Amino acid sequence: MYTTLISVAQLQSLMASQQPLMVFDCSFELMQPAAGDAQYQECHIAGAVRADLDRHLSAHGAPDAASGGRHPLPSRDSFAAWLGSVGLRPDMQAVVYDRQGANYCGRLWWLLKWAGHEAAAVLDGGLQAWLAAEGAVESGAGPTGQASHYPLTTPRTELVAADTVLSQLASPNQTLLDARGAPRFRGEVEPLDPVAGHIPGALNRPFADNLDANGCFKSPELLKAEFDALLAGRDPATVVHHCGSGVSAVPNIIAMEVAGLGRTALYAGSWSDWCSDRSRPVAQS
């Protein structure tokens, strides 16, 4: 079972062994939402199922959305219904990837864990690493799985609401980690949300800092050293991750787990949810 990262060689071995497996292409472009579908149509790992951030991994306008923010989480029931519609079974290893530095496939990784599906891993290096190894690809619409019922089990991730974050501000029991780029964190620019800045007391760890020059996650030792330096003695178990809309925060969750620091919590609504209530405090610089 692969639960955090899986290498290209490991995925190729799984495919050759014909073990139960489902691969998901989560490619997406935030400023051009239709681009992910076009990228998938042009080239994807052979047999990969399409998973779109807006259509499949968010709950825009749904009355049962599980979070606020620009990319609200679907409810567990709605997400399980989608998993069943594409044919995922509990005995399958799920592998997720994108071509955007694990920015978007992390959302599906997290949702699978939230549904209780522990056998879920990110393809380290994404589509670029697969192509570099001359892995099998195809174009077009992709496969249509045999629909089934996906049974939810106990969540394996922790979801934190805005009220909890607010109640724990300045508490040693909560350490906020913001995955946005430093200029947005400092409030110098804000291209997406109506308010610039960050949640008071938050630390900044841009999600791209987890990757090396080849687009793969850094070594566990290096990641641990970097997170230890950032946390500066704070208990890793108190960390709550967020970003702009709960998507790019997940690579930090994965990186901390790869580093041996445990699986930490997510405030999925993130800054877009936080700043929607003008009574909540905002920090800049």
C-alpha atoms as a PDB file:
ATOM      1  CA  MET A   1       0.000   0.000   0.000  1.00  0.00           C
ATOM      2  CA  TYR A   2       1.291   3.457  -0.943  1.00  0.00           C
ATOM      3  CA  THR A   3      -0.072   6.201   1.302  1.00  0.00           C
ATOM      4  CA  THR A   4       1.924   9.381   0.605  1.00  0.00           C
ATOM      5  CA  LEU A   5       4.136   9.261  -2.502  1.00  0.00           C
ATOM      6  CA  ILE A   6       4.661   6.689  -5.230  1.00  0.00           C
ATOM      7  CA  SER A   7       7.521   6.802  -7.736  1.00  0.00           C
ATOM      8  CA  VAL A   8       7.184   6.266 -11.465  1.00  0.00           C
ATOM      9  CA  ALA A   9       8.998   2.929 -11.156  1.00  0.00           C
ATOM     10  CA  GLN A  10       6.684   1.800  -8.370  1.00  0.00           C
ATOM     11  CA  LEU A  11       3.595   2.732 -10.373  1.00  0.00           C
ATOM     12  CA  GLN A  12       4.899   0.910 -13.421  1.00  0.00           C
ATOM     13  CA  SER A  13       5.498  -2.165 -11.263  1.00  0.00           C
ATOM     14  CA  LEU A  14       1.946  -1.993  -9.914  1.00  0.00           C
ATOM     15  CA  MET A  15       0.570  -1.750 -13.430  1.00  0.00           C
ATOM     16  CA  ALA A  16       2.616  -4.745 -14.565  1.00  0.00           C
ATOM     17  CA  SER A  17       1.437  -6.815 -11.596  1.00  0.00           C
ATOM     18  CA  GLN A  18      -2.208  -6.111 -12.477  1.00  0.00           C
ATOM     19  CA  GLN A  19      -3.046  -5.317  -8.871  1.00  0.00           C
ATOM     20  CA  PRO A  20      -6.310  -3.391  -8.349  1.00  0.00           C
ATOM     21  CA  LEU A  21      -5.396   0.174  -9.243  1.00  0.00           C
ATOM     22  CA  MET A  22      -6.965   3.436 -10.365  1.00  0.00           C
ATOM     23  CA  VAL A  23      -4.967   6.433 -11.585  1.00  0.00           C
ATOM     24  CA  PHE A  24      -6.449   9.952 -11.588  1.00  0.00           C
ATOM     25  CA  ASP A  25      -5.334  12.936 -13.672  1.00  0.00           C
ATOM     26  CA  CYS A  26      -6.063  16.100 -11.668  1.00  0.00           C
ATOM     27  CA  SER A  27      -4.433  18.650 -13.979  1.00  0.00           C
ATOM     28  CA  PHE A  28      -5.932  22.130 -13.602  1.00  0.00           C
ATOM     29  CA  GLU A  29      -5.120  25.784 -14.223  1.00  0.00           C
ATOM     30  CA  LEU A  30      -6.600  28.193 -11.702  1.00  0.00           C
ATOM     31  CA  MET A  31      -6.852  31.143 -14.085  1.00  0.00           C
ATOM     32  CA  GLN A  32      -8.002  28.981 -17.027  1.00  0.00           C
ATOM     33  CA  PRO A  33     -10.338  26.338 -15.565  1.00  0.00           C
ATOM     34  CA  ALA A  34     -10.969  24.650 -18.923  1.00  0.00           C
ATOM     35  CA  ALA A  35      -7.266  24.089 -19.530  1.00  0.00           C
ATOM     36  CA  GLY A  36      -7.067  20.996 -17.354  1.00  0.00           C
ATOM     37  CA  ASP A  37      -9.560  19.127 -19.515  1.00  0.00           C
ATOM     38  CA  ALA A  38      -7.650  20.155 -22.633  1.00  0.00           C
ATOM     39  CA  GLN A  39      -4.387  18.963 -21.121  1.00  0.00           C
ATOM     40  CA  TYR A  40      -5.956  15.638 -20.217  1.00  0.00           C
ATOM     41  CA  GLN A  41      -7.423  15.207 -23.691  1.00  0.00           C
ATOM     42  CA  GLU A  42      -4.029  15.921 -25.240  1.00  0.00           C
ATOM     43  CA  CYS A  43      -2.033  13.516 -23.073  1.00  0.00           C
ATOM     44  CA  HIS A  44      -2.566  11.501 -19.899  1.00  0.00           C
ATOM     45  CA  ILE A  45      -1.209   8.340 -18.314  1.00  0.00           C
ATOM     46  CA  ALA A  46      -2.755   5.363 -20.076  1.00  0.00           C
ATOM     47  CA  GLY A  47      -5.952   4.399 -18.275  1.00  0.00           C
ATOM     48  CA  ALA A  48      -6.077   7.479 -16.047  1.00  0.00           C
ATOM     49  CA  VAL A  49      -9.487   8.798 -14.976  1.00  0.00           C
ATOM     50  CA  ARG A  50     -10.175  12.534 -15.170  1.00  0.00           C
ATOM     51  CA  ALA A  51     -10.662  14.342 -11.851  1.00  0.00           C
ATOM     52  CA  ASP A  52     -11.419  18.051 -12.272  1.00  0.00           C
ATOM     53  CA  LEU A  53     -11.041  20.451  -9.347  1.00  0.00           C
ATOM     54  CA  ASP A  54     -14.204  22.396 -10.131  1.00  0.00           C
ATOM     55  CA  ARG A  55     -16.516  19.590 -11.289  1.00  0.00           C
ATOM     56  CA  HIS A  56     -15.473  16.640  -9.149  1.00  0.00           C
ATOM     57  CA  LEU A  57     -13.415  17.852  -6.185  1.00  0.00           C
ATOM     58  CA  SER A  58     -15.348  20.970  -5.152  1.00  0.00           C
ATOM     59  CA  ALA A  59     -18.958  21.704  -4.252  1.00  0.00           C
ATOM     60  CA  HIS A  60     -19.697  25.052  -5.870  1.00  0.00           C
ATOM     61  CA  GLY A  61     -23.195  26.089  -4.839  1.00  0.00           C
ATOM     62  CA  ALA A  62     -24.048  22.719  -3.286  1.00  0.00           C
ATOM     63  CA  PRO A  63     -26.235  22.950  -0.175  1.00  0.00           C
ATOM     64  CA  ASP A  64     -24.253  20.165   1.487  1.00  0.00           C
ATOM     65  CA  ALA A  65     -20.786  21.669   0.944  1.00  0.00           C
ATOM     66  CA  ALA A  66     -18.473  20.696   3.779  1.00  0.00           C
ATOM     67  CA  SER A  67     -16.543  23.980   3.862  1.00  0.00           C
ATOM     68  CA  GLY A  68     -16.646  27.572   2.704  1.00  0.00           C
ATOM     69  CA  GLY A  69     -14.168  29.329   0.450  1.00  0.00           C
ATOM     70  CA  ARG A  70     -13.586  29.516  -3.294  1.00  0.00           C
ATOM     71  CA  HIS A  71     -13.275  25.736  -3.637  1.00  0.00           C
ATOM     72  CA  PRO A  72     -15.651  24.361  -0.991  1.00  0.00           C
ATOM     73  CA  LEU A  73     -15.250  20.711  -0.125  1.00  0.00           C
ATOM     74  CA  PRO A  74     -17.953  18.358  -1.345  1.00  0.00           C
ATOM     75  CA  SER A  75     -19.718  16.465   1.399  1.00  0.00           C
ATOM     76  CA  ARG A  76     -18.364  12.995   2.134  1.00  0.00           C
ATOM     77  CA  ASP A  77     -21.561  11.479   0.726  1.00  0.00           C
ATOM     78  CA  SER A  78     -21.329  13.467  -2.522  1.00  0.00           C
ATOM     79  CA  PHE A  79     -17.666  12.610  -2.919  1.00  0.00           C
ATOM     80  CA  ALA A  80     -18.342   8.910  -2.297  1.00  0.00           C
ATOM     81  CA  ALA A  81     -21.050   8.996  -4.954  1.00  0.00           C
ATOM     82  CA  TRP A  82     -18.512  10.348  -7.450  1.00  0.00           C
ATOM     83  CA  LEU A  83     -15.952   7.707  -6.479  1.00  0.00           C
ATOM     84  CA  GLY A  84     -18.597   5.062  -7.085  1.00  0.00           C
ATOM     85  CA  SER A  85     -19.514   6.589 -10.439  1.00  0.00           C
ATOM     86  CA  VAL A  86     -15.940   6.162 -11.717  1.00  0.00           C
ATOM     87  CA  GLY A  87     -15.657   2.661 -10.297  1.00  0.00           C
ATOM     88  CA  LEU A  88     -13.201   3.065  -7.432  1.00  0.00           C
ATOM     89  CA  ARG A  89     -13.358   0.199  -4.931  1.00  0.00           C
ATOM     90  CA  PRO A  90     -11.955   0.053  -1.390  1.00  0.00           C
ATOM     91  CA  ASP A  91      -9.454  -2.642  -2.428  1.00  0.00           C
ATOM     92  CA  MET A  92      -7.857  -0.428  -5.089  1.00  0.00           C
ATOM     93  CA  GLN A  93      -4.642   1.523  -4.811  1.00  0.00           C
ATOM     94  CA  ALA A  94      -5.432   5.102  -5.869  1.00  0.00           C
ATOM     95  CA  VAL A  95      -2.671   7.149  -7.519  1.00  0.00           C
ATOM     96  CA  VAL A  96      -3.201  10.845  -8.200  1.00  0.00           C
ATOM     97  CA  TYR A  97      -1.117  13.197 -10.310  1.00  0.00           C
ATOM     98  CA  ASP A  98      -1.134  16.488 -12.165  1.00  0.00           C
ATOM     99  CA  ARG A  99       1.349  18.534 -14.172  1.00  0.00           C
ATOM    100  CA  GLN A 100       1.320  21.531 -11.817  1.00  0.00           C
ATOM    101  CA  GLY A 101       3.726  20.476  -9.094  1.00  0.00           C
ATOM    102  CA  ALA A 102       1.218  18.408  -7.051  1.00  0.00           C
ATOM    103  CA  ASN A 103      -0.833  21.556  -6.472  1.00  0.00           C
ATOM    104  CA  TYR A 104      -4.181  20.073  -7.543  1.00  0.00           C
ATOM    105  CA  CYS A 105      -3.830  16.318  -7.153  1.00  0.00           C
ATOM    106  CA  GLY A 106      -3.240  16.890  -3.449  1.00  0.00           C
ATOM    107  CA  ARG A 107      -6.920  17.843  -3.104  1.00  0.00           C
ATOM    108  CA  LEU A 108      -7.972  14.392  -4.348  1.00  0.00           C
ATOM    109  CA  TRP A 109      -5.359  12.713  -2.122  1.00  0.00           C
ATOM    110  CA  TRP A 110      -6.826  14.532   0.895  1.00  0.00           C
ATOM    111  CA  LEU A 111     -10.432  13.783  -0.063  1.00  0.00           C
ATOM    112  CA  LEU A 112      -9.650  10.089  -0.466  1.00  0.00           C
ATOM    113  CA  LYS A 113      -8.155  10.007   3.027  1.00  0.00           C
ATOM    114  CA  TRP A 114     -11.203  11.898   4.325  1.00  0.00           C
ATOM    115  CA  ALA A 115     -13.419   9.214   2.783  1.00  0.00           C
ATOM    116  CA  GLY A 116     -11.385   6.583   4.630  1.00  0.00           C
ATOM    117  CA  HIS A 117      -9.361   5.397   1.622  1.00  0.00           C
ATOM    118  CA  GLU A 118      -5.838   5.105   2.995  1.00  0.00           C
ATOM    119  CA  ALA A 119      -4.347   3.491  -0.123  1.00  0.00           C
ATOM    120  CA  ALA A 120      -3.919   6.804  -1.931  1.00  0.00           C
ATOM    121  CA  ALA A 121      -0.610   8.267  -3.103  1.00  0.00           C
ATOM    122  CA  VAL A 122       0.697  11.162  -5.177  1.00  0.00           C
ATOM    123  CA  LEU A 123       2.827  10.297  -8.208  1.00  0.00           C
ATOM    124  CA  ASP A 124       6.125  11.935  -7.316  1.00  0.00           C
ATOM    125  CA  GLY A 125       7.173  14.275 -10.102  1.00  0.00           C
ATOM    126  CA  GLY A 126       3.766  14.187 -11.772  1.00  0.00           C
ATOM    127  CA  LEU A 127       3.174  13.683 -15.467  1.00  0.00           C
ATOM    128  CA  GLN A 128       6.569  15.195 -16.267  1.00  0.00           C
ATOM    129  CA  ALA A 129       8.373  12.376 -14.429  1.00  0.00           C
ATOM    130  CA  TRP A 130       6.166   9.801 -16.148  1.00  0.00           C
ATOM    131  CA  LEU A 131       6.975  11.205 -19.583  1.00  0.00           C
ATOM    132  CA  ALA A 132      10.680  11.376 -18.770  1.00  0.00           C
ATOM    133  CA  ALA A 133      10.591   7.649 -17.994  1.00  0.00           C
ATOM    134  CA  GLU A 134       8.710   6.982 -21.238  1.00  0.00           C
ATOM    135  CA  GLY A 135       5.668   5.705 -19.390  1.00  0.00           C
ATOM    136  CA  ALA A 136       2.639   4.743 -21.460  1.00  0.00           C
ATOM    137  CA  VAL A 137       0.306   7.620 -22.326  1.00  0.00           C
ATOM    138  CA  GLU A 138      -2.806   8.138 -24.392  1.00  0.00           C
ATOM    139  CA  SER A 139      -5.009  10.966 -25.604  1.00  0.00           C
ATOM    140  CA  GLY A 140      -8.739  11.444 -25.855  1.00  0.00           C
ATOM    141  CA  ALA A 141     -11.595  11.040 -23.437  1.00  0.00           C
ATOM    142  CA  GLY A 142     -10.113   8.260 -21.320  1.00  0.00           C
ATOM    143  CA  PRO A 143     -11.722   5.194 -19.742  1.00  0.00           C
ATOM    144  CA  THR A 144     -15.229   4.783 -18.408  1.00  0.00           C
ATOM    145  CA  GLY A 145     -15.172   2.722 -15.243  1.00  0.00           C
ATOM    146  CA  GLN A 146     -17.857   0.320 -14.137  1.00  0.00           C
ATOM    147  CA  ALA A 147     -19.993   2.213 -11.635  1.00  0.00           C
ATOM    148  CA  SER A 148     -20.197   0.823  -8.133  1.00  0.00           C
ATOM    149  CA  HIS A 149     -21.091   1.841  -4.601  1.00  0.00           C
ATOM    150  CA  TYR A 150     -18.198   3.316  -2.661  1.00  0.00           C
ATOM    151  CA  PRO A 151     -18.626   2.768   1.110  1.00  0.00           C
ATOM    152  CA  LEU A 152     -17.391   5.547   3.361  1.00  0.00           C
ATOM    153  CA  THR A 153     -15.339   4.569   6.391  1.00  0.00           C
ATOM    154  CA  THR A 154     -13.769   6.491   9.266  1.00  0.00           C
ATOM    155  CA  PRO A 155     -12.043   9.699   8.086  1.00  0.00           C
ATOM    156  CA  ARG A 156      -8.262   9.544   8.124  1.00  0.00           C
ATOM    157  CA  THR A 157      -7.783  13.295   7.931  1.00  0.00           C
ATOM    158  CA  GLU A 158      -8.811  16.133  10.226  1.00  0.00           C
ATOM    159  CA  LEU A 159     -10.965  18.993   8.960  1.00  0.00           C
ATOM    160  CA  VAL A 160     -10.969  22.223  10.984  1.00  0.00           C
ATOM    161  CA  ALA A 161     -13.653  24.917  10.738  1.00  0.00           C
ATOM    162  CA  ALA A 162     -13.174  28.696  10.843  1.00  0.00           C
ATOM    163  CA  ASP A 163     -14.762  29.000  14.281  1.00  0.00           C
ATOM    164  CA  THR A 164     -12.222  26.564  15.689  1.00  0.00           C
ATOM    165  CA  VAL A 165      -9.348  28.448  14.096  1.00  0.00           C
ATOM    166  CA  LEU A 166     -10.698  31.722  15.496  1.00  0.00           C
ATOM    167  CA  SER A 167     -11.154  30.309  18.996  1.00  0.00           C
ATOM    168  CA  GLN A 168      -7.561  29.049  19.044  1.00  0.00           C
ATOM    169  CA  LEU A 169      -5.780  32.159  17.769  1.00  0.00           C
ATOM    170  CA  ALA A 170      -2.678  32.785  19.894  1.00  0.00           C
ATOM    171  CA  SER A 171      -3.125  29.418  21.602  1.00  0.00           C
ATOM    172  CA  PRO A 172      -0.104  27.080  21.809  1.00  0.00           C
ATOM    173  CA  ASN A 173      -2.504  24.316  20.795  1.00  0.00           C
ATOM    174  CA  GLN A 174      -2.760  25.691  17.245  1.00  0.00           C
ATOM    175  CA  THR A 175      -0.012  26.505  14.746  1.00  0.00           C
ATOM    176  CA  LEU A 176      -1.306  27.923  11.456  1.00  0.00           C
ATOM    177  CA  LEU A 177       0.683  27.251   8.277  1.00  0.00           C
ATOM    178  CA  ASP A 178      -0.210  29.286   5.182  1.00  0.00           C
ATOM    179  CA  ALA A 179       0.873  27.753   1.841  1.00  0.00           C
ATOM    180  CA  ARG A 180       0.414  30.853  -0.332  1.00  0.00           C
ATOM    181  CA  GLY A 181       3.304  32.715  -1.894  1.00  0.00           C
ATOM    182  CA  ALA A 182       5.073  35.208   0.339  1.00  0.00           C
ATOM    183  CA  PRO A 183       3.748  38.399  -1.359  1.00  0.00           C
ATOM    184  CA  ARG A 184       0.142  37.247  -0.906  1.00  0.00           C
ATOM    185  CA  PHE A 185       0.856  36.135   2.653  1.00  0.00           C
ATOM    186  CA  ARG A 186       2.287  39.541   3.505  1.00  0.00           C
ATOM    187  CA  GLY A 187      -0.676  41.290   1.904  1.00  0.00           C
ATOM    188  CA  GLU A 188       1.367  43.037  -0.780  1.00  0.00           C
ATOM    189  CA  VAL A 189      -0.812  41.613  -3.556  1.00  0.00           C
ATOM    190  CA  GLU A 190      -4.130  39.787  -3.649  1.00  0.00           C
ATOM    191  CA  PRO A 191      -5.259  38.665  -7.109  1.00  0.00           C
ATOM    192  CA  LEU A 192      -8.149  36.426  -6.043  1.00  0.00           C
ATOM    193  CA  ASP A 193      -9.777  37.460  -2.776  1.00  0.00           C
ATOM    194  CA  PRO A 194     -11.328  40.778  -1.654  1.00  0.00           C
ATOM    195  CA  VAL A 195      -8.998  41.248   1.328  1.00  0.00           C
ATOM    196  CA  ALA A 196      -5.194  41.054   1.375  1.00  0.00           C
ATOM    197  CA  GLY A 197      -3.185  39.640   4.237  1.00  0.00           C
ATOM    198  CA  HIS A 198      -3.142  36.544   6.414  1.00  0.00           C
ATOM    199  CA  ILE A 199      -4.610  35.060   9.571  1.00  0.00           C
ATOM    200  CA  PRO A 200      -2.844  36.576  12.588  1.00  0.00           C
ATOM    201  CA  GLY A 201      -0.066  34.391  13.935  1.00  0.00           C
ATOM    202  CA  ALA A 202       0.197  32.213  10.839  1.00  0.00           C
ATOM    203  CA  LEU A 203       3.548  31.023   9.532  1.00  0.00           C
ATOM    204  CA  ASN A 204       4.302  31.011   5.806  1.00  0.00           C
ATOM    205  CA  ARG A 205       5.412  27.894   3.902  1.00  0.00           C
ATOM    206  CA  PRO A 206       4.787  28.276   0.145  1.00  0.00           C
ATOM    207  CA  PHE A 207       3.768  24.854  -1.133  1.00  0.00           C
ATOM    208  CA  ALA A 208       6.329  24.888  -3.959  1.00  0.00           C
ATOM    209  CA  ASP A 209       9.118  24.896  -1.354  1.00  0.00           C
ATOM    210  CA  ASN A 210       8.471  21.172  -0.876  1.00  0.00           C
ATOM    211  CA  LEU A 211       9.766  20.296  -4.346  1.00  0.00           C
ATOM    212  CA  ASP A 212      13.269  19.963  -5.713  1.00  0.00           C
ATOM    213  CA  ALA A 213      14.552  21.189  -9.070  1.00  0.00           C
ATOM    214  CA  ASN A 214      13.133  18.087 -10.769  1.00  0.00           C
ATOM    215  CA  GLY A 215       9.611  18.681  -9.459  1.00  0.00           C
ATOM    216  CA  CYS A 216       9.793  15.800  -6.967  1.00  0.00           C
ATOM    217  CA  PHE A 217       9.314  16.105  -3.225  1.00  0.00           C
ATOM    218  CA  LYS A 218      12.524  16.780  -1.347  1.00  0.00           C
ATOM    219  CA  SER A 219      14.014  14.023   0.785  1.00  0.00           C
ATOM    220  CA  PRO A 220      12.349  13.226   4.121  1.00  0.00           C
ATOM    221  CA  GLU A 221      15.470  14.454   5.928  1.00  0.00           C
ATOM    222  CA  LEU A 222      15.532  17.811   4.165  1.00  0.00           C
ATOM    223  CA  LEU A 223      11.792  18.331   4.581  1.00  0.00           C
ATOM    224  CA  LYS A 224      12.036  17.577   8.282  1.00  0.00           C
ATOM    225  CA  ALA A 225      14.895  20.024   8.715  1.00  0.00           C
ATOM    226  CA  GLU A 226      12.953  22.761   6.927  1.00  0.00           C
ATOM    227  CA  PHE A 227       9.729  22.215   8.872  1.00  0.00           C
ATOM    228  CA  ASP A 228      11.617  21.959  12.158  1.00  0.00           C
ATOM    229  CA  ALA A 229      13.254  25.310  11.423  1.00  0.00           C
ATOM    230  CA  LEU A 230       9.921  26.895  10.514  1.00  0.00           C
ATOM    231  CA  LEU A 231       8.080  25.526  13.543  1.00  0.00           C
ATOM    232  CA  ALA A 232      10.915  26.570  15.875  1.00  0.00           C
ATOM    233  CA  GLY A 233       9.966  24.223  18.675  1.00  0.00           C
ATOM    234  CA  ARG A 234       6.207  24.243  18.140  1.00  0.00           C
ATOM    235  CA  ASP A 235       4.546  20.837  18.305  1.00  0.00           C
ATOM    236  CA  PRO A 236       3.927  19.520  14.760  1.00  0.00           C
ATOM    237  CA  ALA A 237       0.704  17.934  15.994  1.00  0.00           C
ATOM    238  CA  THR A 238      -0.767  21.428  16.512  1.00  0.00           C
ATOM    239  CA  VAL A 239      -0.366  22.442  12.861  1.00  0.00           C
ATOM    240  CA  VAL A 240      -3.429  23.479  10.864  1.00  0.00           C
ATOM    241  CA  HIS A 241      -2.773  24.047   7.170  1.00  0.00           C
ATOM    242  CA  HIS A 242      -4.493  26.542   4.896  1.00  0.00           C
ATOM    243  CA  CYS A 243      -3.885  28.559   1.733  1.00  0.00           C
ATOM    244  CA  GLY A 244      -6.241  30.570  -0.464  1.00  0.00           C
ATOM    245  CA  SER A 245      -8.995  28.005  -0.931  1.00  0.00           C
ATOM    246  CA  GLY A 246      -7.785  24.789   0.712  1.00  0.00           C
ATOM    247  CA  VAL A 247      -6.093  23.279  -2.359  1.00  0.00           C
ATOM    248  CA  SER A 248      -2.406  24.224  -2.366  1.00  0.00           C
ATOM    249  CA  ALA A 249      -2.224  23.678   1.405  1.00  0.00           C
ATOM    250  CA  VAL A 250      -2.271  19.914   0.872  1.00  0.00           C
ATOM    251  CA  PRO A 251       1.295  19.574  -0.482  1.00  0.00           C
ATOM    252  CA  ASN A 252       2.427  20.895   2.909  1.00  0.00           C
ATOM    253  CA  ILE A 253       0.344  18.211   4.633  1.00  0.00           C
ATOM    254  CA  ILE A 254       1.926  15.549   2.436  1.00  0.00           C
ATOM    255  CA  ALA A 255       5.421  16.960   2.955  1.00  0.00           C
ATOM    256  CA  MET A 256       5.071  16.943   6.741  1.00  0.00           C
ATOM    257  CA  GLU A 257       3.929  13.333   6.626  1.00  0.00           C
ATOM    258  CA  VAL A 258       6.808  12.371   4.328  1.00  0.00           C
ATOM    259  CA  ALA A 259       9.114  14.075   6.828  1.00  0.00           C
ATOM    260  CA  GLY A 260       7.806  11.836   9.601  1.00  0.00           C
ATOM    261  CA  LEU A 261       5.961  14.656  11.378  1.00  0.00           C
ATOM    262  CA  GLY A 262       2.525  13.032  11.222  1.00  0.00           C
ATOM    263  CA  ARG A 263      -0.667  13.795   9.329  1.00  0.00           C
ATOM    264  CA  THR A 264      -1.771  17.296  10.240  1.00  0.00           C
ATOM    265  CA  ALA A 265      -5.080  19.147   9.985  1.00  0.00           C
ATOM    266  CA  LEU A 266      -6.614  21.264   7.202  1.00  0.00           C
ATOM    267  CA  TYR A 267      -8.684  24.424   7.387  1.00  0.00           C
ATOM    268  CA  ALA A 268     -10.260  23.844   3.984  1.00  0.00           C
ATOM    269  CA  GLY A 269     -12.063  27.172   3.679  1.00  0.00           C
ATOM    270  CA  SER A 270      -8.707  28.910   4.087  1.00  0.00           C
ATOM    271  CA  TRP A 271      -8.104  32.596   3.417  1.00  0.00           C
ATOM    272  CA  SER A 272     -11.009  32.980   0.978  1.00  0.00           C
ATOM    273  CA  ASP A 273     -13.384  31.762   3.693  1.00  0.00           C
ATOM    274  CA  TRP A 274     -11.652  33.613   6.521  1.00  0.00           C
ATOM    275  CA  CYS A 275     -11.728  37.027   4.863  1.00  0.00           C
ATOM    276  CA  SER A 276     -15.377  36.624   3.789  1.00  0.00           C
ATOM    277  CA  ASP A 277     -16.313  37.571   7.362  1.00  0.00           C
ATOM    278  CA  ARG A 278     -14.989  41.088   7.916  1.00  0.00           C
ATOM    279  CA  SER A 279     -15.244  40.666  11.704  1.00  0.00           C
ATOM    280  CA  ARG A 280     -12.329  38.202  11.660  1.00  0.00           C
ATOM    281  CA  PRO A 281      -8.907  39.726  12.292  1.00  0.00           C
ATOM    282  CA  VAL A 282      -6.399  40.223   9.487  1.00  0.00           C
ATOM    283  CA  ALA A 283      -2.632  40.678   9.650  1.00  0.00           C
ATOM    284  CA  GLN A 284      -0.257  42.120   7.069  1.00  0.00           C
ATOM    285  CA  SER A 285       3.530  42.250   6.603  1.00  0.00           C
END
